[in-house]
N, C-alpha and C. Protein backbone atom coordinates (compact mmCIF):
# COMPACT_ATOMS: atom_id res chain seq x y z
N MET A 1 0.84 -1.17 0.00
CA MET A 1 0.00 0.00 0.00
C MET A 1 0.89 1.24 0.00
N VAL A 2 0.49 2.23 -0.77
CA VAL A 2 1.25 3.47 -0.89
C VAL A 2 0.89 4.39 0.27
N ARG A 3 1.89 4.93 0.89
CA ARG A 3 1.63 5.89 1.97
C ARG A 3 1.26 7.23 1.35
N PRO A 4 0.14 7.79 1.75
CA PRO A 4 -0.26 9.08 1.19
C PRO A 4 0.63 10.21 1.70
N GLU A 5 0.78 11.21 0.85
CA GLU A 5 1.47 12.41 1.29
C GLU A 5 0.61 13.07 2.36
N ARG A 6 1.21 13.83 3.22
CA ARG A 6 0.46 14.53 4.25
C ARG A 6 0.89 16.00 4.29
N PRO A 7 0.59 16.75 3.22
CA PRO A 7 0.95 18.16 3.23
C PRO A 7 0.23 18.90 4.37
N ALA A 8 0.88 19.93 4.86
CA ALA A 8 0.35 20.64 6.02
C ALA A 8 -0.48 21.87 5.65
N THR A 9 -0.48 22.22 4.36
CA THR A 9 -1.21 23.42 3.95
C THR A 9 -2.17 23.10 2.82
N LEU A 10 -3.17 23.95 2.64
CA LEU A 10 -4.12 23.78 1.55
C LEU A 10 -3.42 23.83 0.19
N PRO A 11 -2.55 24.81 -0.07
CA PRO A 11 -1.84 24.81 -1.36
C PRO A 11 -0.98 23.55 -1.55
N GLY A 12 -0.36 23.08 -0.48
CA GLY A 12 0.44 21.86 -0.56
C GLY A 12 -0.41 20.65 -0.90
N CYS A 13 -1.59 20.58 -0.29
CA CYS A 13 -2.53 19.48 -0.60
C CYS A 13 -2.97 19.54 -2.05
N ARG A 14 -3.30 20.73 -2.51
CA ARG A 14 -3.75 20.88 -3.90
C ARG A 14 -2.64 20.54 -4.89
N GLN A 15 -1.42 20.90 -4.58
CA GLN A 15 -0.30 20.53 -5.45
C GLN A 15 -0.10 19.02 -5.48
N ALA A 16 -0.24 18.38 -4.34
CA ALA A 16 -0.12 16.91 -4.28
C ALA A 16 -1.24 16.26 -5.09
N ILE A 17 -2.46 16.78 -4.98
CA ILE A 17 -3.58 16.25 -5.76
C ILE A 17 -3.31 16.45 -7.25
N ASP A 18 -2.78 17.60 -7.63
CA ASP A 18 -2.47 17.85 -9.05
C ASP A 18 -1.45 16.84 -9.57
N ARG A 19 -0.46 16.48 -8.75
CA ARG A 19 0.53 15.49 -9.18
C ARG A 19 -0.11 14.12 -9.37
N VAL A 20 -0.97 13.74 -8.44
CA VAL A 20 -1.68 12.46 -8.54
C VAL A 20 -2.58 12.47 -9.77
N ASP A 21 -3.31 13.57 -9.99
CA ASP A 21 -4.20 13.66 -11.14
C ASP A 21 -3.44 13.54 -12.46
N ALA A 22 -2.26 14.16 -12.54
CA ALA A 22 -1.45 14.07 -13.76
C ALA A 22 -1.02 12.62 -14.01
N ALA A 23 -0.57 11.95 -12.96
CA ALA A 23 -0.16 10.54 -13.10
C ALA A 23 -1.36 9.67 -13.45
N LEU A 24 -2.50 9.94 -12.83
CA LEU A 24 -3.71 9.17 -13.10
C LEU A 24 -4.16 9.35 -14.55
N ALA A 25 -4.10 10.57 -15.06
CA ALA A 25 -4.49 10.83 -16.45
C ALA A 25 -3.60 10.04 -17.41
N THR A 26 -2.31 10.03 -17.15
CA THR A 26 -1.38 9.28 -18.00
C THR A 26 -1.69 7.79 -17.95
N LEU A 27 -1.96 7.26 -16.77
CA LEU A 27 -2.28 5.84 -16.63
C LEU A 27 -3.62 5.50 -17.29
N LEU A 28 -4.60 6.39 -17.16
CA LEU A 28 -5.90 6.14 -17.78
C LEU A 28 -5.78 6.10 -19.30
N GLU A 29 -4.98 6.99 -19.86
CA GLU A 29 -4.81 6.98 -21.31
C GLU A 29 -4.07 5.72 -21.76
N ARG A 30 -3.09 5.31 -20.98
CA ARG A 30 -2.35 4.07 -21.29
C ARG A 30 -3.30 2.87 -21.23
N ARG A 31 -4.17 2.84 -20.21
CA ARG A 31 -5.13 1.75 -20.08
C ARG A 31 -6.10 1.74 -21.26
N ALA A 32 -6.57 2.91 -21.66
CA ALA A 32 -7.50 3.00 -22.79
C ALA A 32 -6.85 2.47 -24.07
N ALA A 33 -5.58 2.79 -24.27
CA ALA A 33 -4.88 2.30 -25.46
C ALA A 33 -4.78 0.77 -25.43
N LEU A 34 -4.45 0.22 -24.28
CA LEU A 34 -4.37 -1.24 -24.16
C LEU A 34 -5.73 -1.89 -24.36
N ALA A 35 -6.77 -1.27 -23.80
CA ALA A 35 -8.12 -1.80 -23.98
C ALA A 35 -8.53 -1.76 -25.44
N GLY A 36 -8.08 -0.74 -26.16
CA GLY A 36 -8.35 -0.66 -27.59
C GLY A 36 -7.72 -1.80 -28.35
N ILE A 37 -6.52 -2.17 -27.95
CA ILE A 37 -5.86 -3.31 -28.59
C ILE A 37 -6.63 -4.59 -28.29
N VAL A 38 -7.08 -4.74 -27.04
CA VAL A 38 -7.89 -5.91 -26.67
C VAL A 38 -9.11 -6.01 -27.58
N GLN A 39 -9.74 -4.88 -27.87
CA GLN A 39 -10.94 -4.90 -28.72
C GLN A 39 -10.65 -5.44 -30.11
N THR A 40 -9.45 -5.22 -30.61
CA THR A 40 -9.11 -5.75 -31.94
C THR A 40 -8.82 -7.24 -31.89
N LEU A 41 -8.54 -7.77 -30.71
CA LEU A 41 -8.19 -9.19 -30.58
C LEU A 41 -9.38 -10.07 -30.20
N LYS A 42 -10.43 -9.49 -29.65
CA LYS A 42 -11.59 -10.25 -29.20
C LYS A 42 -12.50 -10.57 -30.39
N PRO A 43 -13.15 -11.75 -30.35
CA PRO A 43 -14.09 -12.08 -31.42
C PRO A 43 -15.31 -11.16 -31.42
N VAL A 44 -15.75 -10.74 -30.23
CA VAL A 44 -16.84 -9.79 -30.10
C VAL A 44 -16.31 -8.64 -29.27
N GLY A 45 -16.25 -7.47 -29.89
CA GLY A 45 -15.67 -6.34 -29.19
C GLY A 45 -16.70 -5.34 -28.74
N GLY A 46 -16.20 -4.20 -28.32
CA GLY A 46 -17.06 -3.11 -27.90
C GLY A 46 -17.84 -3.44 -26.65
N PHE A 47 -18.94 -2.73 -26.45
CA PHE A 47 -19.75 -2.91 -25.25
C PHE A 47 -20.36 -4.31 -25.20
N ALA A 48 -20.63 -4.90 -26.37
CA ALA A 48 -21.20 -6.26 -26.41
C ALA A 48 -20.22 -7.30 -25.91
N GLY A 49 -18.95 -7.01 -25.99
CA GLY A 49 -17.93 -7.98 -25.61
C GLY A 49 -17.43 -7.85 -24.17
N ARG A 50 -18.13 -7.06 -23.37
CA ARG A 50 -17.70 -6.89 -21.98
C ARG A 50 -17.80 -8.20 -21.23
N ASP A 51 -16.79 -8.47 -20.43
CA ASP A 51 -16.73 -9.69 -19.62
C ASP A 51 -16.96 -9.28 -18.17
N MET A 52 -18.21 -9.40 -17.73
CA MET A 52 -18.58 -8.91 -16.40
C MET A 52 -17.86 -9.67 -15.29
N ALA A 53 -17.61 -10.96 -15.49
CA ALA A 53 -16.89 -11.72 -14.47
C ALA A 53 -15.46 -11.20 -14.33
N ARG A 54 -14.84 -10.89 -15.45
CA ARG A 54 -13.48 -10.33 -15.42
C ARG A 54 -13.49 -8.96 -14.75
N GLU A 55 -14.50 -8.16 -15.05
CA GLU A 55 -14.59 -6.84 -14.44
C GLU A 55 -14.78 -6.93 -12.93
N ARG A 56 -15.60 -7.87 -12.47
CA ARG A 56 -15.78 -8.06 -11.02
C ARG A 56 -14.46 -8.48 -10.37
N ALA A 57 -13.73 -9.38 -11.03
CA ALA A 57 -12.44 -9.83 -10.50
C ALA A 57 -11.44 -8.67 -10.48
N LEU A 58 -11.47 -7.83 -11.50
CA LEU A 58 -10.60 -6.66 -11.56
C LEU A 58 -10.85 -5.75 -10.36
N VAL A 59 -12.13 -5.47 -10.10
CA VAL A 59 -12.49 -4.60 -8.98
C VAL A 59 -12.06 -5.23 -7.66
N ALA A 60 -12.24 -6.52 -7.51
CA ALA A 60 -11.83 -7.21 -6.28
C ALA A 60 -10.32 -7.09 -6.07
N ARG A 61 -9.55 -7.26 -7.15
CA ARG A 61 -8.09 -7.12 -7.04
C ARG A 61 -7.71 -5.68 -6.69
N MET A 62 -8.39 -4.73 -7.30
CA MET A 62 -8.10 -3.33 -7.00
C MET A 62 -8.42 -3.01 -5.55
N ALA A 63 -9.51 -3.57 -5.03
CA ALA A 63 -9.90 -3.31 -3.64
C ALA A 63 -8.84 -3.84 -2.67
N GLU A 64 -8.11 -4.87 -3.07
CA GLU A 64 -7.01 -5.36 -2.23
C GLU A 64 -5.93 -4.30 -2.10
N HIS A 65 -5.72 -3.51 -3.16
CA HIS A 65 -4.71 -2.45 -3.14
C HIS A 65 -5.25 -1.16 -2.54
N ALA A 66 -6.56 -1.02 -2.53
CA ALA A 66 -7.20 0.20 -2.01
C ALA A 66 -8.35 -0.20 -1.10
N PRO A 67 -8.03 -0.84 0.04
CA PRO A 67 -9.10 -1.36 0.89
C PRO A 67 -10.01 -0.27 1.48
N GLU A 68 -9.51 0.92 1.67
CA GLU A 68 -10.37 1.97 2.22
C GLU A 68 -11.42 2.41 1.19
N LEU A 69 -11.08 2.37 -0.08
CA LEU A 69 -12.08 2.65 -1.11
C LEU A 69 -13.07 1.51 -1.21
N GLY A 70 -12.56 0.29 -1.21
CA GLY A 70 -13.41 -0.89 -1.25
C GLY A 70 -14.10 -1.10 -2.59
N GLU A 71 -14.65 -2.27 -2.74
CA GLU A 71 -15.28 -2.65 -4.01
C GLU A 71 -16.46 -1.76 -4.36
N ALA A 72 -17.29 -1.43 -3.39
CA ALA A 72 -18.49 -0.65 -3.68
C ALA A 72 -18.16 0.70 -4.30
N ARG A 73 -17.10 1.34 -3.84
CA ARG A 73 -16.70 2.63 -4.41
C ARG A 73 -15.94 2.46 -5.72
N LEU A 74 -15.22 1.37 -5.85
CA LEU A 74 -14.42 1.14 -7.06
C LEU A 74 -15.27 0.72 -8.26
N VAL A 75 -16.40 0.06 -8.02
CA VAL A 75 -17.25 -0.40 -9.13
C VAL A 75 -17.62 0.75 -10.07
N PRO A 76 -18.20 1.85 -9.59
CA PRO A 76 -18.58 2.91 -10.53
C PRO A 76 -17.37 3.59 -11.18
N ILE A 77 -16.28 3.67 -10.45
CA ILE A 77 -15.07 4.28 -11.01
C ILE A 77 -14.57 3.43 -12.18
N MET A 78 -14.43 2.13 -11.95
CA MET A 78 -13.91 1.26 -12.99
C MET A 78 -14.90 1.10 -14.14
N ASN A 79 -16.18 1.14 -13.85
CA ASN A 79 -17.17 1.10 -14.92
C ASN A 79 -16.97 2.30 -15.84
N ALA A 80 -16.78 3.48 -15.26
CA ALA A 80 -16.56 4.69 -16.07
C ALA A 80 -15.26 4.59 -16.86
N VAL A 81 -14.21 4.05 -16.25
CA VAL A 81 -12.93 3.89 -16.94
C VAL A 81 -13.08 2.91 -18.10
N ILE A 82 -13.74 1.80 -17.88
CA ILE A 82 -13.93 0.80 -18.92
C ILE A 82 -14.77 1.36 -20.05
N GLU A 83 -15.86 2.04 -19.71
CA GLU A 83 -16.72 2.62 -20.74
C GLU A 83 -15.99 3.69 -21.55
N ALA A 84 -15.17 4.49 -20.90
CA ALA A 84 -14.39 5.50 -21.64
C ALA A 84 -13.42 4.84 -22.61
N GLY A 85 -12.77 3.77 -22.17
CA GLY A 85 -11.86 3.06 -23.05
C GLY A 85 -12.57 2.42 -24.24
N LEU A 86 -13.73 1.83 -23.98
CA LEU A 86 -14.50 1.22 -25.07
C LEU A 86 -15.00 2.29 -26.04
N SER A 87 -15.45 3.40 -25.50
CA SER A 87 -15.92 4.50 -26.35
C SER A 87 -14.80 5.00 -27.26
N LEU A 88 -13.61 5.17 -26.69
CA LEU A 88 -12.47 5.62 -27.48
C LEU A 88 -12.13 4.58 -28.55
N ALA A 89 -12.14 3.30 -28.19
CA ALA A 89 -11.83 2.24 -29.16
C ALA A 89 -12.85 2.24 -30.30
N GLU A 90 -14.13 2.40 -29.97
CA GLU A 90 -15.16 2.43 -31.01
C GLU A 90 -15.00 3.67 -31.90
N GLU A 91 -14.66 4.79 -31.30
CA GLU A 91 -14.45 6.01 -32.08
C GLU A 91 -13.28 5.85 -33.04
N ARG A 92 -12.20 5.28 -32.54
CA ARG A 92 -11.02 5.05 -33.39
C ARG A 92 -11.35 4.09 -34.52
N SER A 93 -12.10 3.04 -34.20
CA SER A 93 -12.48 2.05 -35.21
C SER A 93 -13.36 2.69 -36.28
N ALA A 94 -14.32 3.51 -35.86
CA ALA A 94 -15.23 4.17 -36.81
C ALA A 94 -14.48 5.14 -37.71
N ASN A 95 -13.39 5.70 -37.19
CA ASN A 95 -12.58 6.64 -37.98
C ASN A 95 -11.45 5.95 -38.73
N GLY A 96 -11.41 4.61 -38.67
CA GLY A 96 -10.38 3.86 -39.38
C GLY A 96 -9.00 3.95 -38.76
N ARG A 97 -8.96 4.31 -37.48
CA ARG A 97 -7.65 4.42 -36.80
C ARG A 97 -7.49 3.24 -35.87
N SER A 98 -6.30 2.71 -35.85
CA SER A 98 -6.03 1.60 -34.94
C SER A 98 -5.66 2.15 -33.57
N PRO A 99 -5.77 1.30 -32.53
CA PRO A 99 -5.37 1.75 -31.19
C PRO A 99 -3.90 2.17 -31.20
N GLN A 100 -3.60 3.13 -30.40
CA GLN A 100 -2.22 3.61 -30.31
C GLN A 100 -1.39 2.59 -29.54
N PRO A 101 -0.31 2.11 -30.14
CA PRO A 101 0.55 1.17 -29.41
C PRO A 101 1.28 1.91 -28.30
N GLU A 102 1.61 1.16 -27.29
CA GLU A 102 2.38 1.71 -26.18
C GLU A 102 3.78 2.02 -26.68
N THR A 103 4.31 3.12 -26.28
CA THR A 103 5.67 3.46 -26.63
C THR A 103 6.53 3.37 -25.38
N THR A 104 7.77 3.03 -25.58
CA THR A 104 8.69 2.99 -24.45
C THR A 104 9.62 4.18 -24.58
N ALA A 105 9.84 4.82 -23.49
CA ALA A 105 10.70 6.01 -23.50
C ALA A 105 11.96 5.75 -22.74
């Protein structure tokens, strides 16, 4: 488990949140790109190809890393993340663009 920062001031807290948000945005975009690749590999893709059992297992694993959030709070978050990734994959497919491959820096 990651120890949270404990800034002592409101500006310090907001700066810490901004750093977390920037990292989270980068990870969400990376996840969406990977999910887009998954959509090209599945026999049935998009929203019709959602694997609810896998999604439940994903949330359960995440709750192990974030027990204070717990499964009940993580379900709507991950549902939104999954739907955003699927939406992006469908948009890219409709525009004839393939998912962006991960790059290594």
